[in-house]
PDB file of N, CA and C in Angstrom:
ATOM      1  N   MET A   1     -13.697  -9.017   8.462  1.00  0.00           N
ATOM      2  CA  MET A   1     -13.338  -7.874   7.588  1.00  0.00           C
ATOM      3  C   MET A   1     -11.701  -7.886   7.225  1.00  0.00           C
ATOM      4  N   ASN A   2     -11.183  -8.314   8.283  1.00  0.00           N
ATOM      5  CA  ASN A   2      -9.506  -8.399   7.959  1.00  0.00           C
ATOM      6  C   ASN A   2      -9.294  -9.371   6.892  1.00  0.00           C
ATOM      7  N   LYS A   3      -9.955 -10.400   7.024  1.00  0.00           N
ATOM      8  CA  LYS A   3      -9.693 -11.432   5.916  1.00  0.00           C
ATOM      9  C   LYS A   3      -9.910 -10.952   4.554  1.00  0.00           C
ATOM     10  N   LEU A   4     -11.027 -10.260   4.347  1.00  0.00           N
ATOM     11  CA  LEU A   4     -11.562  -9.624   3.056  1.00  0.00           C
ATOM     12  C   LEU A   4     -10.414  -8.611   2.704  1.00  0.00           C
ATOM     13  N   ILE A   5      -9.986  -7.761   3.515  1.00  0.00           N
ATOM     14  CA  ILE A   5      -8.862  -6.832   3.182  1.00  0.00           C
ATOM     15  C   ILE A   5      -7.699  -7.666   2.740  1.00  0.00           C
ATOM     16  N   ALA A   6      -7.273  -8.748   3.401  1.00  0.00           N
ATOM     17  CA  ALA A   6      -6.090  -9.602   3.099  1.00  0.00           C
ATOM     18  C   ALA A   6      -6.299  -9.982   1.712  1.00  0.00           C
ATOM     19  N   ILE A   7      -7.542 -10.645   1.324  1.00  0.00           N
ATOM     20  CA  ILE A   7      -7.664 -11.144   0.032  1.00  0.00           C
ATOM     21  C   ILE A   7      -7.588  -9.947  -0.956  1.00  0.00           C
ATOM     22  N   VAL A   8      -8.033  -8.793  -0.728  1.00  0.00           N
ATOM     23  CA  VAL A   8      -8.025  -7.606  -1.674  1.00  0.00           C
ATOM     24  C   VAL A   8      -6.548  -7.362  -1.856  1.00  0.00           C
ATOM     25  N   ASN A   9      -5.743  -7.335  -0.703  1.00  0.00           N
ATOM     26  CA  ASN A   9      -4.309  -7.202  -0.863  1.00  0.00           C
ATOM     27  C   ASN A   9      -3.678  -8.084  -1.691  1.00  0.00           C
ATOM     28  N   VAL A  10      -3.922  -9.525  -1.646  1.00  0.00           N
ATOM     29  CA  VAL A  10      -3.159 -10.395  -2.461  1.00  0.00           C
ATOM     30  C   VAL A  10      -3.736 -10.119  -3.902  1.00  0.00           C
ATOM     31  N   VAL A  11      -4.748 -10.011  -4.122  1.00  0.00           N
ATOM     32  CA  VAL A  11      -5.354  -9.772  -5.633  1.00  0.00           C
ATOM     33  C   VAL A  11      -4.877  -8.545  -6.230  1.00  0.00           C
ATOM     34  N   ALA A  12      -4.783  -7.468  -5.474  1.00  0.00           N
ATOM     35  CA  ALA A  12      -4.369  -6.266  -5.821  1.00  0.00           C
ATOM     36  C   ALA A  12      -2.633  -6.307  -6.330  1.00  0.00           C
ATOM     37  N   TRP A  13      -1.903  -6.915  -5.349  1.00  0.00           N
ATOM     38  CA  TRP A  13      -0.541  -7.044  -5.659  1.00  0.00           C
ATOM     39  C   TRP A  13      -0.369  -8.169  -6.856  1.00  0.00           C
ATOM     40  N   SER A  14      -1.246  -9.088  -6.948  1.00  0.00           N
ATOM     41  CA  SER A  14      -0.953  -9.985  -8.016  1.00  0.00           C
ATOM     42  C   SER A  14      -1.326  -9.414  -9.481  1.00  0.00           C
ATOM     43  N   GLY A  15      -2.328  -8.537  -9.468  1.00  0.00           N
ATOM     44  CA  GLY A  15      -2.714  -7.676 -10.483  1.00  0.00           C
ATOM     45  C   GLY A  15      -1.769  -6.791 -10.975  1.00  0.00           C
ATOM     46  N   PHE A  16      -1.031  -6.133  -9.960  1.00  0.00           N
ATOM     47  CA  PHE A  16       0.105  -5.103 -10.109  1.00  0.00           C
ATOM     48  C   PHE A  16       1.280  -5.918 -10.941  1.00  0.00           C
ATOM     49  N   TRP A  17       1.540  -7.057 -10.305  1.00  0.00           N
ATOM     50  CA  TRP A  17       2.954  -7.720 -10.991  1.00  0.00           C
ATOM     51  C   TRP A  17       2.516  -8.400 -12.223  1.00  0.00           C
ATOM     52  N   ALA A  18       1.267  -8.859 -12.400  1.00  0.00           N
ATOM     53  CA  ALA A  18       0.851  -9.628 -13.580  1.00  0.00           C
ATOM     54  C   ALA A  18       0.860  -8.421 -14.839  1.00  0.00           C
ATOM     55  N   PHE A  19      -0.003  -7.342 -14.504  1.00  0.00           N
ATOM     56  CA  PHE A  19      -0.102  -6.272 -15.591  1.00  0.00           C
ATOM     57  C   PHE A  19       1.138  -5.585 -15.873  1.00  0.00           C
ATOM     58  N   GLY A  20       1.860  -5.375 -14.738  1.00  0.00           N
ATOM     59  CA  GLY A  20       3.091  -4.573 -15.014  1.00  0.00           C
ATOM     60  C   GLY A  20       4.063  -5.440 -15.777  1.00  0.00           C
ATOM     61  N   TYR A  21       4.097  -6.700 -15.540  1.00  0.00           N
ATOM     62  CA  TYR A  21       5.040  -7.527 -16.297  1.00  0.00           C
ATOM     63  C   TYR A  21       4.388  -7.472 -17.878  1.00  0.00           C
ATOM     64  N   ILE A  22       3.195  -7.785 -17.847  1.00  0.00           N
ATOM     65  CA  ILE A  22       2.777  -7.537 -19.415  1.00  0.00           C
ATOM     66  C   ILE A  22       3.107  -6.242 -20.157  1.00  0.00           C
ATOM     67  N   ALA A  23       2.909  -5.219 -19.357  1.00  0.00           N
ATOM     68  CA  ALA A  23       3.126  -3.901 -19.727  1.00  0.00           C
ATOM     69  C   ALA A  23       4.648  -3.603 -20.179  1.00  0.00           C
ATOM     70  N   LEU A  24       5.425  -4.227 -19.405  1.00  0.00           N
ATOM     71  CA  LEU A  24       6.940  -3.984 -19.600  1.00  0.00           C
ATOM     72  C   LEU A  24       7.531  -4.931 -20.523  1.00  0.00           C
ATOM     73  N   THR A  25       6.995  -6.145 -20.843  1.00  0.00           N
ATOM     74  CA  THR A  25       7.653  -7.058 -21.519  1.00  0.00           C
ATOM     75  C   THR A  25       7.106  -7.598 -22.876  1.00  0.00           C
ATOM     76  N   ALA A  26       5.768  -7.212 -23.120  1.00  0.00           N
ATOM     77  CA  ALA A  26       4.973  -7.750 -24.314  1.00  0.00           C
ATOM     78  C   ALA A  26       5.513  -6.892 -25.445  1.00  0.00           C
ATOM     79  N   GLN A  27       5.729  -7.646 -26.489  1.00  0.00           N
ATOM     80  CA  GLN A  27       6.276  -6.978 -27.700  1.00  0.00           C
ATOM     81  C   GLN A  27       5.220  -6.430 -28.644  1.00  0.00           C
ATOM     82  N   ASP A  28       4.163  -7.121 -28.893  1.00  0.00           N
ATOM     83  CA  ASP A  28       3.232  -6.951 -30.008  1.00  0.00           C
ATOM     84  C   ASP A  28       1.962  -6.242 -29.382  1.00  0.00           C
ATOM     85  N   LEU A  29       1.789  -5.271 -28.436  1.00  0.00           N
ATOM     86  CA  LEU A  29       0.798  -4.835 -27.941  1.00  0.00           C
ATOM     87  C   LEU A  29       0.663  -3.469 -28.691  1.00  0.00           C
ATOM     88  N   SER A  30      -0.747  -3.120 -28.810  1.00  0.00           N
ATOM     89  CA  SER A  30      -0.973  -1.797 -29.376  1.00  0.00           C
ATOM     90  C   SER A  30      -0.845  -0.812 -28.284  1.00  0.00           C
ATOM     91  N   ASP A  31      -0.966   0.618 -28.685  1.00  0.00           N
ATOM     92  CA  ASP A  31      -0.831   1.428 -27.678  1.00  0.00           C
ATOM     93  C   ASP A  31      -2.039   1.531 -26.650  1.00  0.00           C
ATOM     94  N   GLN A  32      -3.133   1.217 -27.315  1.00  0.00           N
ATOM     95  CA  GLN A  32      -4.273   1.038 -26.251  1.00  0.00           C
ATOM     96  C   GLN A  32      -4.148  -0.030 -25.238  1.00  0.00           C
ATOM     97  N   GLN A  33      -3.750  -1.271 -25.755  1.00  0.00           N
ATOM     98  CA  GLN A  33      -3.469  -2.291 -25.019  1.00  0.00           C
ATOM     99  C   GLN A  33      -2.441  -2.033 -23.921  1.00  0.00           C
ATOM    100  N   LEU A  34      -1.366  -1.465 -24.320  1.00  0.00           N
ATOM    101  CA  LEU A  34      -0.225  -1.019 -23.306  1.00  0.00           C
ATOM    102  C   LEU A  34      -0.793   0.014 -22.486  1.00  0.00           C
ATOM    103  N   LEU A  35      -1.640   0.980 -22.680  1.00  0.00           N
ATOM    104  CA  LEU A  35      -2.144   1.680 -21.675  1.00  0.00           C
ATOM    105  C   LEU A  35      -3.111   1.142 -20.862  1.00  0.00           C
ATOM    106  N   ILE A  36      -3.941   0.322 -21.267  1.00  0.00           N
ATOM    107  CA  ILE A  36      -4.844  -0.384 -20.312  1.00  0.00           C
ATOM    108  C   ILE A  36      -3.928  -1.368 -19.184  1.00  0.00           C
ATOM    109  N   ALA A  37      -2.935  -1.919 -19.755  1.00  0.00           N
ATOM    110  CA  ALA A  37      -2.183  -2.842 -18.854  1.00  0.00           C
ATOM    111  C   ALA A  37      -1.356  -1.968 -17.871  1.00  0.00           C
ATOM    112  N   SER A  38      -0.913  -0.869 -18.224  1.00  0.00           N
ATOM    113  CA  SER A  38      -0.168   0.055 -17.228  1.00  0.00           C
ATOM    114  C   SER A  38      -1.317   0.708 -16.407  1.00  0.00           C
ATOM    115  N   LEU A  39      -2.379   0.994 -16.636  1.00  0.00           N
ATOM    116  CA  LEU A  39      -3.411   1.535 -15.695  1.00  0.00           C
ATOM    117  C   LEU A  39      -3.975   0.376 -14.768  1.00  0.00           C
ATOM    118  N   LEU A  40      -4.118  -0.882 -15.269  1.00  0.00           N
ATOM    119  CA  LEU A  40      -4.355  -1.889 -14.343  1.00  0.00           C
ATOM    120  C   LEU A  40      -3.097  -2.256 -13.372  1.00  0.00           C
ATOM    121  N   ALA A  41      -2.106  -2.099 -13.679  1.00  0.00           N
ATOM    122  CA  ALA A  41      -0.842  -2.257 -12.924  1.00  0.00           C
ATOM    123  C   ALA A  41      -0.923  -1.194 -11.847  1.00  0.00           C
ATOM    124  N   PHE A  42      -1.157   0.032 -12.354  1.00  0.00           N
ATOM    125  CA  PHE A  42      -1.235   1.148 -11.322  1.00  0.00           C
ATOM    126  C   PHE A  42      -2.199   1.086 -10.262  1.00  0.00           C
ATOM    127  N   ALA A  43      -3.397   0.507 -10.818  1.00  0.00           N
ATOM    128  CA  ALA A  43      -4.499   0.292  -9.923  1.00  0.00           C
ATOM    129  C   ALA A  43      -4.350  -0.746  -8.915  1.00  0.00           C
ATOM    130  N   GLY A  44      -3.650  -1.770  -9.333  1.00  0.00           N
ATOM    131  CA  GLY A  44      -3.283  -2.818  -8.373  1.00  0.00           C
ATOM    132  C   GLY A  44      -2.280  -2.355  -7.378  1.00  0.00           C
ATOM    133  N   PHE A  45      -1.465  -1.438  -7.772  1.00  0.00           N
ATOM    134  CA  PHE A  45      -0.405  -0.967  -6.911  1.00  0.00           C
ATOM    135  C   PHE A  45      -0.934  -0.048  -5.919  1.00  0.00           C
ATOM    136  N   ILE A  46      -1.718   0.810  -6.310  1.00  0.00           N
ATOM    137  CA  ILE A  46      -2.659   1.832  -5.330  1.00  0.00           C
ATOM    138  C   ILE A  46      -3.495   0.859  -4.433  1.00  0.00           C
ATOM    139  N   MET A  47      -4.166  -0.018  -5.080  1.00  0.00           N
ATOM    140  CA  MET A  47      -5.120  -0.801  -4.184  1.00  0.00           C
ATOM    141  C   MET A  47      -4.306  -1.689  -3.143  1.00  0.00           C
ATOM    142  N   GLY A  48      -3.210  -2.218  -3.734  1.00  0.00           N
ATOM    143  CA  GLY A  48      -2.177  -3.166  -2.779  1.00  0.00           C
ATOM    144  C   GLY A  48      -1.736  -2.288  -1.631  1.00  0.00           C
ATOM    145  N   ILE A  49      -1.242  -0.989  -1.879  1.00  0.00           N
ATOM    146  CA  ILE A  49      -0.665  -0.165  -0.734  1.00  0.00           C
ATOM    147  C   ILE A  49      -1.799   0.176   0.162  1.00  0.00           C
ATOM    148  N   ALA A  50      -2.868   0.508  -0.313  1.00  0.00           N
ATOM    149  CA  ALA A  50      -4.083   0.911   0.557  1.00  0.00           C
ATOM    150  C   ALA A  50      -4.553  -0.222   1.428  1.00  0.00           C
ATOM    151  N   ALA A  51      -4.574  -1.453   0.990  1.00  0.00           N
ATOM    152  CA  ALA A  51      -5.017  -2.596   1.673  1.00  0.00           C
ATOM    153  C   ALA A  51      -3.962  -3.142   2.528  1.00  0.00           C
ATOM    154  N   TYR A  52      -2.727  -2.935   2.327  1.00  0.00           N
ATOM    155  CA  TYR A  52      -1.648  -3.246   3.255  1.00  0.00           C
ATOM    156  C   TYR A  52      -1.547  -2.212   4.498  1.00  0.00           C
ATOM    157  N   LEU A  53      -1.863  -0.965   4.207  1.00  0.00           N
ATOM    158  CA  LEU A  53      -1.930   0.078   5.171  1.00  0.00           C
ATOM    159  C   LEU A  53      -2.954  -0.307   6.125  1.00  0.00           C
ATOM    160  N   ARG A  54      -4.314  -0.718   5.643  1.00  0.00           N
ATOM    161  CA  ARG A  54      -5.305  -0.896   6.507  1.00  0.00           C
ATOM    162  C   ARG A  54      -5.055  -2.258   7.454  1.00  0.00           C
ATOM    163  N   LEU A  55      -4.311  -3.253   6.739  1.00  0.00           N
ATOM    164  CA  LEU A  55      -4.027  -4.274   7.587  1.00  0.00           C
ATOM    165  C   LEU A  55      -3.104  -4.043   8.596  1.00  0.00           C
ATOM    166  N   VAL A  56      -2.122  -3.263   8.381  1.00  0.00           N
ATOM    167  CA  VAL A  56      -1.041  -2.785   9.425  1.00  0.00           C
ATOM    168  C   VAL A  56      -1.875  -2.078  10.583  1.00  0.00           C
ATOM    169  N   ARG A  57      -2.787  -1.139  10.211  1.00  0.00           N
ATOM    170  CA  ARG A  57      -3.632  -0.345  11.253  1.00  0.00           C
ATOM    171  C   ARG A  57      -4.391  -1.221  11.933  1.00  0.00           C
ATOM    172  N   ALA A  58      -4.950  -2.196  11.294  1.00  0.00           N
ATOM    173  CA  ALA A  58      -5.914  -3.159  12.116  1.00  0.00           C
ATOM    174  C   ALA A  58      -5.116  -4.050  13.053  1.00  0.00           C
ATOM    175  N   ALA A  59      -3.949  -4.526  12.628  1.00  0.00           N
ATOM    176  CA  ALA A  59      -2.885  -5.217  13.418  1.00  0.00           C
ATOM    177  C   ALA A  59      -2.623  -4.572  14.657  1.00  0.00           C
ATOM    178  N   GLU A  60      -2.239  -3.145  14.594  1.00  0.00           N
ATOM    179  CA  GLU A  60      -1.769  -2.356  15.621  1.00  0.00           C
ATOM    180  C   GLU A  60      -3.101  -2.198  16.493  1.00  0.00           C
ATOM    181  N   ALA A  61      -4.157  -2.032  15.996  1.00  0.00           N
ATOM    182  CA  ALA A  61      -5.328  -1.668  16.826  1.00  0.00           C
ATOM    183  C   ALA A  61      -5.708  -3.073  17.719  1.00  0.00           C
ATOM    184  N   SER A  62      -5.672  -3.992  17.107  1.00  0.00           N
ATOM    185  CA  SER A  62      -5.932  -5.359  17.687  1.00  0.00           C
ATOM    186  C   SER A  62      -5.012  -5.890  18.747  1.00  0.00           C
ATOM    187  N   GLY A  63      -3.772  -5.291  18.692  1.00  0.00           N
ATOM    188  CA  GLY A  63      -2.703  -5.771  19.673  1.00  0.00           C
ATOM    189  C   GLY A  63      -1.941  -6.871  19.031  1.00  0.00           C
ATOM    190  N   TYR A  64      -2.153  -7.312  17.879  1.00  0.00           N
ATOM    191  CA  TYR A  64      -1.414  -8.314  17.250  1.00  0.00           C
ATOM    192  C   TYR A  64       0.005  -7.934  16.912  1.00  0.00           C
ATOM    193  N   ALA A  65       0.304  -6.580  16.535  1.00  0.00           N
ATOM    194  CA  ALA A  65       1.430  -6.087  16.177  1.00  0.00           C
ATOM    195  C   ALA A  65       1.847  -4.864  17.101  1.00  0.00           C
ATOM    196  N   LYS A  66       2.975  -4.633  17.464  1.00  0.00           N
ATOM    197  CA  LYS A  66       3.455  -3.675  18.181  1.00  0.00           C
ATOM    198  C   LYS A  66       3.328  -2.242  17.651  1.00  0.00           C
ATOM    199  N   LYS A  67       2.895  -1.383  18.643  1.00  0.00           N
ATOM    200  CA  LYS A  67       2.541  -0.008  17.984  1.00  0.00           C
ATOM    201  C   LYS A  67       3.780   0.763  17.640  1.00  0.00           C
ATOM    202  N   THR A  68       3.543   1.707  16.698  1.00  0.00           N
ATOM    203  CA  THR A  68       4.742   2.343  16.298  1.00  0.00           C
ATOM    204  C   THR A  68       5.166   3.443  17.375  1.00  0.00           C
ATOM    205  N   ASN A  69       6.296   3.776  17.220  1.00  0.00           N
ATOM    206  CA  ASN A  69       7.007   4.715  18.314  1.00  0.00           C
ATOM    207  C   ASN A  69       6.668   6.175  18.004  1.00  0.00           C
ATOM    208  N   GLN A  70       5.637   6.566  17.578  1.00  0.00           N
ATOM    209  CA  GLN A  70       5.335   8.016  17.286  1.00  0.00           C
ATOM    210  C   GLN A  70       4.858   8.554  18.498  1.00  0.00           C
ATOM    211  N   LEU A  71       5.311   9.981  18.799  1.00  0.00           N
ATOM    212  CA  LEU A  71       4.871  10.607  20.036  1.00  0.00           C
ATOM    213  C   LEU A  71       3.580  11.179  19.829  1.00  0.00           C
ATOM    214  N   ASP A  72       2.653  11.310  20.926  1.00  0.00           N
ATOM    215  CA  ASP A  72       1.357  11.980  20.825  1.00  0.00           C
ATOM    216  C   ASP A  72       1.844  13.566  20.619  1.00  0.00           C
ATOM    217  N   THR A  73       0.739  14.181  20.534  1.00  0.00           N
ATOM    218  CA  THR A  73       0.833  15.739  20.179  1.00  0.00           C
ATOM    219  C   THR A  73       1.485  16.530  21.170  1.00  0.00           C
ATOM    220  N   ALA A  74       1.096  16.153  22.676  1.00  0.00           N
ATOM    221  CA  ALA A  74       1.611  16.864  23.743  1.00  0.00           C
ATOM    222  C   ALA A  74       3.148  16.696  23.861  1.00  0.00           C
ATOM    223  N   ALA A  75       3.657  15.434  23.661  1.00  0.00           N
ATOM    224  CA  ALA A  75       5.076  14.937  23.914  1.00  0.00           C
ATOM    225  C   ALA A  75       5.781  15.682  22.687  1.00  0.00           C
ATOM    226  N   ARG A  76       5.178  15.789  21.484  1.00  0.00           N
ATOM    227  CA  ARG A  76       5.937  16.151  20.293  1.00  0.00           C
ATOM    228  C   ARG A  76       6.113  17.668  20.547  1.00  0.00           C
ATOM    229  N   ASN A  77       5.177  18.328  20.996  1.00  0.00           N
ATOM    230  CA  ASN A  77       5.280  19.888  21.075  1.00  0.00           C
ATOM    231  C   ASN A  77       6.106  20.106  22.224  1.00  0.00           C
ATOM    232  N   ARG A  78       6.160  19.295  23.332  1.00  0.00           N
ATOM    233  CA  ARG A  78       7.273  19.596  24.333  1.00  0.00           C
ATOM    234  C   ARG A  78       8.627  19.452  23.945  1.00  0.00           C
ATOM    235  N   ALA A  79       8.915  18.325  23.084  1.00  0.00           N
ATOM    236  CA  ALA A  79      10.073  18.150  22.451  1.00  0.00           C
ATOM    237  C   ALA A  79      10.647  19.143  21.548  1.00  0.00           C
ATOM    238  N   GLN A  80       9.609  19.631  20.937  1.00  0.00           N
ATOM    239  CA  GLN A  80      10.069  20.757  19.906  1.00  0.00           C
ATOM    240  C   GLN A  80      10.386  22.167  20.629  1.00  0.00           C
ATOM    241  N   SER A  81       9.738  22.329  21.701  1.00  0.00           N
ATOM    242  CA  SER A  81       9.911  23.527  22.515  1.00  0.00           C
ATOM    243  C   SER A  81      11.202  23.472  23.184  1.00  0.00           C
ATOM    244  N   GLU A  82      11.709  22.333  23.672  1.00  0.00           N
ATOM    245  CA  GLU A  82      12.963  22.070  24.197  1.00  0.00           C
ATOM    246  C   GLU A  82      14.157  22.469  23.397  1.00  0.00           C
ATOM    247  N   GLY A  83      14.001  22.358  22.098  1.00  0.00           N
ATOM    248  CA  GLY A  83      14.998  22.569  21.116  1.00  0.00           C
ATOM    249  C   GLY A  83      15.624  21.497  20.359  1.00  0.00           C
ATOM    250  N   GLY A  84      15.375  20.145  20.679  1.00  0.00           N
ATOM    251  CA  GLY A  84      15.881  19.225  19.944  1.00  0.00           C
ATOM    252  C   GLY A  84      17.051  19.287  19.107  1.00  0.00           C
ATOM    253  N   MET A  85      17.013  19.499  17.836  1.00  0.00           N
ATOM    254  CA  MET A  85      18.169  19.690  17.013  1.00  0.00           C
ATOM    255  C   MET A  85      18.415  20.917  16.757  1.00  0.00           C
TER     256      MET A  85
END
């Protein structure tokens, strides 16, 4: 499953860069073509971020990547009750 998400990630970011480049640099596009290129670039951006975050979460869960330094709920509440800043 992680390989499929990685492939989706690469394809999505490729679409973002390709259609974003077309939307920004093409001279002779109609308004409809420009809108479609922009929407496809935006879709690639959103899919790329979502796939990347899923890959990061899977890497942390499998032990491949170091877990983030976020506090659990009890430790966070204790730190806030002590007055921190």
